[in-house]
Amino acid sequence: MVIIEVSLLSGFTVTSRSRTLLENRTIVKKIEVKANVVYIYLEKLNDESQTFILQLEQVIQVKNLKPASIKIYDYYQPGGLQISCSSGVRS
């Protein structure tokens, strides 16, 4: 199982529509939202390219936003290979 861990930008939350769209994808096993982190659990990955869109809604105005981080790792080997990146706000 693969986990995509998305740390949300301060003052933002995941839209319910976005969560529903992700949950309806066959590759997604489950989604958890804890505090400012979204965990997307995938059954498995193969060599096909996958795109995941997470729509956020700003609930609190925050100045000087820092980029959010995204990590992808194997559930059974969290200390193994990890892919990390960071992203900012796109309108």
PDB file of N, CA and C in Angstrom:
ATOM      1  N   MET A   1       0.842  -1.166   0.000  1.00  0.00           N
ATOM      2  CA  MET A   1       0.000   0.000   0.000  1.00  0.00           C
ATOM      3  C   MET A   1       0.891   1.234   0.000  1.00  0.00           C
ATOM      4  N   VAL A   2       0.464   2.243  -0.720  1.00  0.00           N
ATOM      5  CA  VAL A   2       1.214   3.491  -0.857  1.00  0.00           C
ATOM      6  C   VAL A   2       0.425   4.610  -0.189  1.00  0.00           C
ATOM      7  N   ILE A   3       1.135   5.506   0.485  1.00  0.00           N
ATOM      8  CA  ILE A   3       0.489   6.650   1.133  1.00  0.00           C
ATOM      9  C   ILE A   3       0.987   7.942   0.499  1.00  0.00           C
ATOM     10  N   ILE A   4       0.041   8.813   0.168  1.00  0.00           N
ATOM     11  CA  ILE A   4       0.360  10.174  -0.245  1.00  0.00           C
ATOM     12  C   ILE A   4      -0.028  11.047   0.944  1.00  0.00           C
ATOM     13  N   GLU A   5       0.952  11.717   1.523  1.00  0.00           N
ATOM     14  CA  GLU A   5       0.737  12.558   2.701  1.00  0.00           C
ATOM     15  C   GLU A   5       0.855  14.018   2.281  1.00  0.00           C
ATOM     16  N   VAL A   6      -0.250  14.741   2.368  1.00  0.00           N
ATOM     17  CA  VAL A   6      -0.295  16.132   1.929  1.00  0.00           C
ATOM     18  C   VAL A   6      -0.478  17.029   3.149  1.00  0.00           C
ATOM     19  N   SER A   7       0.541  17.820   3.459  1.00  0.00           N
ATOM     20  CA  SER A   7       0.435  18.815   4.525  1.00  0.00           C
ATOM     21  C   SER A   7      -0.213  20.051   3.926  1.00  0.00           C
ATOM     22  N   LEU A   8      -1.345  20.436   4.474  1.00  0.00           N
ATOM     23  CA  LEU A   8      -2.094  21.560   3.911  1.00  0.00           C
ATOM     24  C   LEU A   8      -1.463  22.896   4.269  1.00  0.00           C
ATOM     25  N   LEU A   9      -1.695  23.867   3.419  1.00  0.00           N
ATOM     26  CA  LEU A   9      -1.268  25.225   3.699  1.00  0.00           C
ATOM     27  C   LEU A   9      -2.041  25.747   4.902  1.00  0.00           C
ATOM     28  N   SER A  10      -1.408  26.580   5.708  1.00  0.00           N
ATOM     29  CA  SER A  10      -2.078  27.174   6.870  1.00  0.00           C
ATOM     30  C   SER A  10      -3.300  27.954   6.421  1.00  0.00           C
ATOM     31  N   GLY A  11      -4.418  27.739   7.111  1.00  0.00           N
ATOM     32  CA  GLY A  11      -5.648  28.454   6.800  1.00  0.00           C
ATOM     33  C   GLY A  11      -6.499  27.815   5.724  1.00  0.00           C
ATOM     34  N   PHE A  12      -6.096  26.644   5.223  1.00  0.00           N
ATOM     35  CA  PHE A  12      -6.833  25.971   4.158  1.00  0.00           C
ATOM     36  C   PHE A  12      -7.387  24.636   4.643  1.00  0.00           C
ATOM     37  N   THR A  13      -8.478  24.204   4.012  1.00  0.00           N
ATOM     38  CA  THR A  13      -9.072  22.907   4.277  1.00  0.00           C
ATOM     39  C   THR A  13      -9.451  22.259   2.949  1.00  0.00           C
ATOM     40  N   VAL A  14      -9.572  20.946   2.948  1.00  0.00           N
ATOM     41  CA  VAL A  14      -9.955  20.204   1.744  1.00  0.00           C
ATOM     42  C   VAL A  14     -11.456  20.358   1.536  1.00  0.00           C
ATOM     43  N   THR A  15     -11.874  20.604   0.285  1.00  0.00           N
ATOM     44  CA  THR A  15     -13.307  20.703   0.007  1.00  0.00           C
ATOM     45  C   THR A  15     -13.923  19.309   0.054  1.00  0.00           C
ATOM     46  N   SER A  16     -15.174  19.242   0.442  1.00  0.00           N
ATOM     47  CA  SER A  16     -15.849  17.942   0.509  1.00  0.00           C
ATOM     48  C   SER A  16     -16.006  17.340  -0.883  1.00  0.00           C
ATOM     49  N   ARG A  17     -16.188  18.164  -1.889  1.00  0.00           N
ATOM     50  CA  ARG A  17     -16.305  17.666  -3.271  1.00  0.00           C
ATOM     51  C   ARG A  17     -14.999  17.006  -3.715  1.00  0.00           C
ATOM     52  N   SER A  18     -13.887  17.635  -3.394  1.00  0.00           N
ATOM     53  CA  SER A  18     -12.581  17.091  -3.751  1.00  0.00           C
ATOM     54  C   SER A  18     -12.366  15.739  -3.078  1.00  0.00           C
ATOM     55  N   ARG A  19     -12.725  15.664  -1.809  1.00  0.00           N
ATOM     56  CA  ARG A  19     -12.572  14.406  -1.068  1.00  0.00           C
ATOM     57  C   ARG A  19     -13.430  13.308  -1.692  1.00  0.00           C
ATOM     58  N   THR A  20     -14.671  13.636  -2.048  1.00  0.00           N
ATOM     59  CA  THR A  20     -15.572  12.665  -2.664  1.00  0.00           C
ATOM     60  C   THR A  20     -15.029  12.181  -4.003  1.00  0.00           C
ATOM     61  N   LEU A  21     -14.512  13.099  -4.819  1.00  0.00           N
ATOM     62  CA  LEU A  21     -13.958  12.708  -6.120  1.00  0.00           C
ATOM     63  C   LEU A  21     -12.774  11.758  -5.958  1.00  0.00           C
ATOM     64  N   LEU A  22     -11.926  12.014  -4.970  1.00  0.00           N
ATOM     65  CA  LEU A  22     -10.790  11.130  -4.726  1.00  0.00           C
ATOM     66  C   LEU A  22     -11.243   9.767  -4.229  1.00  0.00           C
ATOM     67  N   GLU A  23     -12.222   9.754  -3.314  1.00  0.00           N
ATOM     68  CA  GLU A  23     -12.706   8.490  -2.759  1.00  0.00           C
ATOM     69  C   GLU A  23     -13.348   7.602  -3.818  1.00  0.00           C
ATOM     70  N   ASN A  24     -13.878   8.203  -4.875  1.00  0.00           N
ATOM     71  CA  ASN A  24     -14.531   7.439  -5.938  1.00  0.00           C
ATOM     72  C   ASN A  24     -13.556   6.841  -6.947  1.00  0.00           C
ATOM     73  N   ARG A  25     -12.283   7.182  -6.843  1.00  0.00           N
ATOM     74  CA  ARG A  25     -11.288   6.605  -7.752  1.00  0.00           C
ATOM     75  C   ARG A  25     -10.964   5.185  -7.299  1.00  0.00           C
ATOM     76  N   THR A  26     -10.892   4.265  -8.234  1.00  0.00           N
ATOM     77  CA  THR A  26     -10.672   2.860  -7.888  1.00  0.00           C
ATOM     78  C   THR A  26      -9.319   2.612  -7.226  1.00  0.00           C
ATOM     79  N   ILE A  27      -8.329   3.408  -7.544  1.00  0.00           N
ATOM     80  CA  ILE A  27      -6.989   3.215  -6.987  1.00  0.00           C
ATOM     81  C   ILE A  27      -6.914   3.660  -5.516  1.00  0.00           C
ATOM     82  N   VAL A  28      -7.850   4.523  -5.083  1.00  0.00           N
ATOM     83  CA  VAL A  28      -7.830   5.060  -3.717  1.00  0.00           C
ATOM     84  C   VAL A  28      -8.569   4.112  -2.780  1.00  0.00           C
ATOM     85  N   LYS A  29      -7.856   3.641  -1.762  1.00  0.00           N
ATOM     86  CA  LYS A  29      -8.451   2.726  -0.787  1.00  0.00           C
ATOM     87  C   LYS A  29      -9.210   3.501   0.287  1.00  0.00           C
ATOM     88  N   LYS A  30      -8.590   4.555   0.824  1.00  0.00           N
ATOM     89  CA  LYS A  30      -9.270   5.406   1.803  1.00  0.00           C
ATOM     90  C   LYS A  30      -8.551   6.736   1.912  1.00  0.00           C
ATOM     91  N   ILE A  31      -9.247   7.697   2.536  1.00  0.00           N
ATOM     92  CA  ILE A  31      -8.695   9.028   2.767  1.00  0.00           C
ATOM     93  C   ILE A  31      -8.932   9.385   4.228  1.00  0.00           C
ATOM     94  N   GLU A  32      -7.904   9.937   4.866  1.00  0.00           N
ATOM     95  CA  GLU A  32      -8.017  10.430   6.237  1.00  0.00           C
ATOM     96  C   GLU A  32      -7.592  11.890   6.260  1.00  0.00           C
ATOM     97  N   VAL A  33      -8.330  12.693   7.007  1.00  0.00           N
ATOM     98  CA  VAL A  33      -7.945  14.091   7.204  1.00  0.00           C
ATOM     99  C   VAL A  33      -7.741  14.276   8.702  1.00  0.00           C
ATOM    100  N   LYS A  34      -6.504  14.601   9.080  1.00  0.00           N
ATOM    101  CA  LYS A  34      -6.159  14.814  10.485  1.00  0.00           C
ATOM    102  C   LYS A  34      -5.470  16.165  10.603  1.00  0.00           C
ATOM    103  N   ALA A  35      -6.058  17.040  11.429  1.00  0.00           N
ATOM    104  CA  ALA A  35      -5.515  18.387  11.632  1.00  0.00           C
ATOM    105  C   ALA A  35      -5.259  19.038  10.269  1.00  0.00           C
ATOM    106  N   ASN A  36      -4.009  19.295   9.921  1.00  0.00           N
ATOM    107  CA  ASN A  36      -3.667  19.951   8.654  1.00  0.00           C
ATOM    108  C   ASN A  36      -2.992  19.007   7.679  1.00  0.00           C
ATOM    109  N   VAL A  37      -3.283  17.717   7.785  1.00  0.00           N
ATOM    110  CA  VAL A  37      -2.658  16.730   6.901  1.00  0.00           C
ATOM    111  C   VAL A  37      -3.735  15.831   6.297  1.00  0.00           C
ATOM    112  N   VAL A  38      -3.615  15.578   4.993  1.00  0.00           N
ATOM    113  CA  VAL A  38      -4.502  14.645   4.299  1.00  0.00           C
ATOM    114  C   VAL A  38      -3.678  13.422   3.917  1.00  0.00           C
ATOM    115  N   TYR A  39      -4.171  12.243   4.283  1.00  0.00           N
ATOM    116  CA  TYR A  39      -3.522  10.980   3.938  1.00  0.00           C
ATOM    117  C   TYR A  39      -4.388  10.279   2.897  1.00  0.00           C
ATOM    118  N   ILE A  40      -3.788  10.000   1.745  1.00  0.00           N
ATOM    119  CA  ILE A  40      -4.487   9.278   0.682  1.00  0.00           C
ATOM    120  C   ILE A  40      -3.824   7.913   0.572  1.00  0.00           C
ATOM    121  N   TYR A  41      -4.588   6.864   0.869  1.00  0.00           N
ATOM    122  CA  TYR A  41      -4.071   5.496   0.837  1.00  0.00           C
ATOM    123  C   TYR A  41      -4.413   4.866  -0.508  1.00  0.00           C
ATOM    124  N   LEU A  42      -3.383   4.385  -1.184  1.00  0.00           N
ATOM    125  CA  LEU A  42      -3.565   3.740  -2.480  1.00  0.00           C
ATOM    126  C   LEU A  42      -3.313   2.248  -2.345  1.00  0.00           C
ATOM    127  N   GLU A  43      -4.126   1.446  -3.019  1.00  0.00           N
ATOM    128  CA  GLU A  43      -3.951  -0.006  -2.967  1.00  0.00           C
ATOM    129  C   GLU A  43      -2.570  -0.399  -3.474  1.00  0.00           C
ATOM    130  N   LYS A  44      -2.199   0.148  -4.619  1.00  0.00           N
ATOM    131  CA  LYS A  44      -0.875  -0.114  -5.188  1.00  0.00           C
ATOM    132  C   LYS A  44      -0.635   0.855  -6.333  1.00  0.00           C
ATOM    133  N   LEU A  45       0.614   0.957  -6.725  1.00  0.00           N
ATOM    134  CA  LEU A  45       0.989   1.755  -7.888  1.00  0.00           C
ATOM    135  C   LEU A  45       1.605   0.839  -8.925  1.00  0.00           C
ATOM    136  N   ASN A  46       1.462   1.228 -10.170  1.00  0.00           N
ATOM    137  CA  ASN A  46       2.131   0.489 -11.246  1.00  0.00           C
ATOM    138  C   ASN A  46       2.884   1.507 -12.091  1.00  0.00           C
ATOM    139  N   ASP A  47       3.235   1.136 -13.296  1.00  0.00           N
ATOM    140  CA  ASP A  47       4.034   2.046 -14.121  1.00  0.00           C
ATOM    141  C   ASP A  47       3.193   3.078 -14.871  1.00  0.00           C
ATOM    142  N   GLU A  48       1.873   3.099 -14.630  1.00  0.00           N
ATOM    143  CA  GLU A  48       1.020   4.098 -15.265  1.00  0.00           C
ATOM    144  C   GLU A  48       1.090   5.415 -14.485  1.00  0.00           C
ATOM    145  N   SER A  49       1.106   6.507 -15.208  1.00  0.00           N
ATOM    146  CA  SER A  49       1.123   7.829 -14.585  1.00  0.00           C
ATOM    147  C   SER A  49      -0.229   8.107 -13.916  1.00  0.00           C
ATOM    148  N   GLN A  50      -0.199   8.687 -12.733  1.00  0.00           N
ATOM    149  CA  GLN A  50      -1.422   9.023 -11.999  1.00  0.00           C
ATOM    150  C   GLN A  50      -1.391  10.510 -11.646  1.00  0.00           C
ATOM    151  N   THR A  51      -2.539  11.159 -11.711  1.00  0.00           N
ATOM    152  CA  THR A  51      -2.668  12.553 -11.317  1.00  0.00           C
ATOM    153  C   THR A  51      -3.752  12.655 -10.256  1.00  0.00           C
ATOM    154  N   PHE A  52      -3.433  13.343  -9.167  1.00  0.00           N
ATOM    155  CA  PHE A  52      -4.387  13.549  -8.090  1.00  0.00           C
ATOM    156  C   PHE A  52      -4.565  15.045  -7.899  1.00  0.00           C
ATOM    157  N   ILE A  53      -5.813  15.483  -7.911  1.00  0.00           N
ATOM    158  CA  ILE A  53      -6.108  16.901  -7.727  1.00  0.00           C
ATOM    159  C   ILE A  53      -6.818  17.057  -6.392  1.00  0.00           C
ATOM    160  N   LEU A  54      -6.267  17.904  -5.558  1.00  0.00           N
ATOM    161  CA  LEU A  54      -6.833  18.171  -4.242  1.00  0.00           C
ATOM    162  C   LEU A  54      -7.238  19.636  -4.203  1.00  0.00           C
ATOM    163  N   GLN A  55      -8.538  19.890  -4.180  1.00  0.00           N
ATOM    164  CA  GLN A  55      -9.028  21.260  -4.157  1.00  0.00           C
ATOM    165  C   GLN A  55      -9.148  21.721  -2.712  1.00  0.00           C
ATOM    166  N   LEU A  56      -8.619  22.899  -2.450  1.00  0.00           N
ATOM    167  CA  LEU A  56      -8.623  23.462  -1.105  1.00  0.00           C
ATOM    168  C   LEU A  56      -9.483  24.707  -1.054  1.00  0.00           C
ATOM    169  N   GLU A  57      -9.981  24.980   0.133  1.00  0.00           N
ATOM    170  CA  GLU A  57     -10.776  26.176   0.368  1.00  0.00           C
ATOM    171  C   GLU A  57     -10.114  26.959   1.491  1.00  0.00           C
ATOM    172  N   GLN A  58      -9.918  28.241   1.267  1.00  0.00           N
ATOM    173  CA  GLN A  58      -9.299  29.066   2.296  1.00  0.00           C
ATOM    174  C   GLN A  58     -10.356  29.444   3.328  1.00  0.00           C
ATOM    175  N   VAL A  59     -10.089  29.091   4.589  1.00  0.00           N
ATOM    176  CA  VAL A  59     -11.035  29.381   5.668  1.00  0.00           C
ATOM    177  C   VAL A  59     -10.530  30.480   6.595  1.00  0.00           C
ATOM    178  N   ILE A  60      -9.237  30.723   6.581  1.00  0.00           N
ATOM    179  CA  ILE A  60      -8.624  31.770   7.398  1.00  0.00           C
ATOM    180  C   ILE A  60      -7.565  32.464   6.552  1.00  0.00           C
ATOM    181  N   GLN A  61      -7.566  33.786   6.573  1.00  0.00           N
ATOM    182  CA  GLN A  61      -6.561  34.557   5.848  1.00  0.00           C
ATOM    183  C   GLN A  61      -5.229  34.481   6.604  1.00  0.00           C
ATOM    184  N   VAL A  62      -4.177  34.021   5.928  1.00  0.00           N
ATOM    185  CA  VAL A  62      -2.853  33.896   6.541  1.00  0.00           C
ATOM    186  C   VAL A  62      -1.849  34.643   5.661  1.00  0.00           C
ATOM    187  N   LYS A  63      -1.023  35.464   6.292  1.00  0.00           N
ATOM    188  CA  LYS A  63      -0.002  36.191   5.546  1.00  0.00           C
ATOM    189  C   LYS A  63       1.262  35.347   5.448  1.00  0.00           C
ATOM    190  N   ASN A  64       2.042  35.597   4.409  1.00  0.00           N
ATOM    191  CA  ASN A  64       3.334  34.940   4.205  1.00  0.00           C
ATOM    192  C   ASN A  64       3.236  33.417   4.259  1.00  0.00           C
ATOM    193  N   LEU A  65       2.354  32.873   3.430  1.00  0.00           N
ATOM    194  CA  LEU A  65       2.195  31.417   3.376  1.00  0.00           C
ATOM    195  C   LEU A  65       3.487  30.730   2.967  1.00  0.00           C
ATOM    196  N   LYS A  66       3.802  29.665   3.634  1.00  0.00           N
ATOM    197  CA  LYS A  66       4.952  28.834   3.285  1.00  0.00           C
ATOM    198  C   LYS A  66       4.452  27.674   2.429  1.00  0.00           C
ATOM    199  N   PRO A  67       5.288  27.142   1.557  1.00  0.00           N
ATOM    200  CA  PRO A  67       4.864  26.009   0.733  1.00  0.00           C
ATOM    201  C   PRO A  67       4.460  24.804   1.591  1.00  0.00           C
ATOM    202  N   ALA A  68       3.493  24.067   1.096  1.00  0.00           N
ATOM    203  CA  ALA A  68       3.065  22.834   1.752  1.00  0.00           C
ATOM    204  C   ALA A  68       3.920  21.688   1.232  1.00  0.00           C
ATOM    205  N   SER A  69       3.988  20.613   2.007  1.00  0.00           N
ATOM    206  CA  SER A  69       4.800  19.480   1.564  1.00  0.00           C
ATOM    207  C   SER A  69       3.918  18.297   1.186  1.00  0.00           C
ATOM    208  N   ILE A  70       4.405  17.510   0.266  1.00  0.00           N
ATOM    209  CA  ILE A  70       3.736  16.293  -0.178  1.00  0.00           C
ATOM    210  C   ILE A  70       4.759  15.176  -0.136  1.00  0.00           C
ATOM    211  N   LYS A  71       4.427  14.094   0.550  1.00  0.00           N
ATOM    212  CA  LYS A  71       5.315  12.925   0.630  1.00  0.00           C
ATOM    213  C   LYS A  71       4.582  11.707   0.108  1.00  0.00           C
ATOM    214  N   ILE A  72       5.305  10.852  -0.573  1.00  0.00           N
ATOM    215  CA  ILE A  72       4.756   9.591  -1.072  1.00  0.00           C
ATOM    216  C   ILE A  72       5.674   8.486  -0.573  1.00  0.00           C
ATOM    217  N   TYR A  73       5.087   7.498   0.105  1.00  0.00           N
ATOM    218  CA  TYR A  73       5.908   6.415   0.646  1.00  0.00           C
ATOM    219  C   TYR A  73       5.108   5.131   0.787  1.00  0.00           C
ATOM    220  N   ASP A  74       5.832   4.041   0.975  1.00  0.00           N
ATOM    221  CA  ASP A  74       5.244   2.721   1.147  1.00  0.00           C
ATOM    222  C   ASP A  74       4.779   2.569   2.594  1.00  0.00           C
ATOM    223  N   TYR A  75       3.537   2.188   2.789  1.00  0.00           N
ATOM    224  CA  TYR A  75       2.961   2.017   4.124  1.00  0.00           C
ATOM    225  C   TYR A  75       3.759   1.014   4.959  1.00  0.00           C
ATOM    226  N   TYR A  76       4.213  -0.051   4.322  1.00  0.00           N
ATOM    227  CA  TYR A  76       4.908  -1.122   5.036  1.00  0.00           C
ATOM    228  C   TYR A  76       6.392  -0.832   5.251  1.00  0.00           C
ATOM    229  N   GLN A  77       6.934   0.178   4.573  1.00  0.00           N
ATOM    230  CA  GLN A  77       8.332   0.567   4.737  1.00  0.00           C
ATOM    231  C   GLN A  77       8.437   2.094   4.770  1.00  0.00           C
ATOM    232  N   PRO A  78       7.883   2.726   5.817  1.00  0.00           N
ATOM    233  CA  PRO A  78       7.875   4.195   5.840  1.00  0.00           C
ATOM    234  C   PRO A  78       9.262   4.827   5.865  1.00  0.00           C
ATOM    235  N   GLY A  79      10.266   4.098   6.315  1.00  0.00           N
ATOM    236  CA  GLY A  79      11.622   4.629   6.339  1.00  0.00           C
ATOM    237  C   GLY A  79      12.365   4.394   5.040  1.00  0.00           C
ATOM    238  N   GLY A  80      11.735   3.701   4.102  1.00  0.00           N
ATOM    239  CA  GLY A  80      12.360   3.396   2.818  1.00  0.00           C
ATOM    240  C   GLY A  80      12.301   4.578   1.875  1.00  0.00           C
ATOM    241  N   LEU A  81      12.200   4.305   0.601  1.00  0.00           N
ATOM    242  CA  LEU A  81      12.176   5.340  -0.431  1.00  0.00           C
ATOM    243  C   LEU A  81      10.991   6.272  -0.219  1.00  0.00           C
ATOM    244  N   GLN A  82      11.252   7.558  -0.207  1.00  0.00           N
ATOM    245  CA  GLN A  82      10.208   8.570  -0.108  1.00  0.00           C
ATOM    246  C   GLN A  82      10.413   9.589  -1.214  1.00  0.00           C
ATOM    247  N   ILE A  83       9.319  10.054  -1.751  1.00  0.00           N
ATOM    248  CA  ILE A  83       9.366  11.122  -2.739  1.00  0.00           C
ATOM    249  C   ILE A  83       8.720  12.336  -2.082  1.00  0.00           C
ATOM    250  N   SER A  84       9.426  13.450  -2.052  1.00  0.00           N
ATOM    251  CA  SER A  84       8.908  14.654  -1.400  1.00  0.00           C
ATOM    252  C   SER A  84       8.946  15.828  -2.350  1.00  0.00           C
ATOM    253  N   CYS A  85       7.982  16.717  -2.187  1.00  0.00           N
ATOM    254  CA  CYS A  85       7.996  17.969  -2.938  1.00  0.00           C
ATOM    255  C   CYS A  85       7.212  18.992  -2.141  1.00  0.00           C
ATOM    256  N   SER A  86       7.231  20.221  -2.568  1.00  0.00           N
ATOM    257  CA  SER A  86       6.454  21.250  -1.898  1.00  0.00           C
ATOM    258  C   SER A  86       5.745  22.087  -2.937  1.00  0.00           C
ATOM    259  N   SER A  87       4.634  22.665  -2.525  1.00  0.00           N
ATOM    260  CA  SER A  87       3.853  23.456  -3.476  1.00  0.00           C
ATOM    261  C   SER A  87       3.238  24.650  -2.782  1.00  0.00           C
ATOM    262  N   GLY A  88       2.917  25.646  -3.567  1.00  0.00           N
ATOM    263  CA  GLY A  88       2.296  26.855  -3.052  1.00  0.00           C
ATOM    264  C   GLY A  88       0.868  26.955  -3.538  1.00  0.00           C
ATOM    265  N   VAL A  89       0.340  28.148  -3.525  1.00  0.00           N
ATOM    266  CA  VAL A  89      -1.049  28.382  -3.920  1.00  0.00           C
ATOM    267  C   VAL A  89      -1.113  28.738  -5.383  1.00  0.00           C
ATOM    268  N   ARG A  90      -2.048  28.077  -6.089  1.00  0.00           N
ATOM    269  CA  ARG A  90      -2.337  28.421  -7.484  1.00  0.00           C
ATOM    270  C   ARG A  90      -3.789  28.825  -7.563  1.00  0.00           C
ATOM    271  N   SER A  91      -4.076  29.889  -8.242  1.00  0.00           N
ATOM    272  CA  SER A  91      -5.470  30.358  -8.362  1.00  0.00           C
ATOM    273  C   SER A  91      -6.131  29.756  -9.572  1.00  0.00           C
TER     274      SER A  91
END
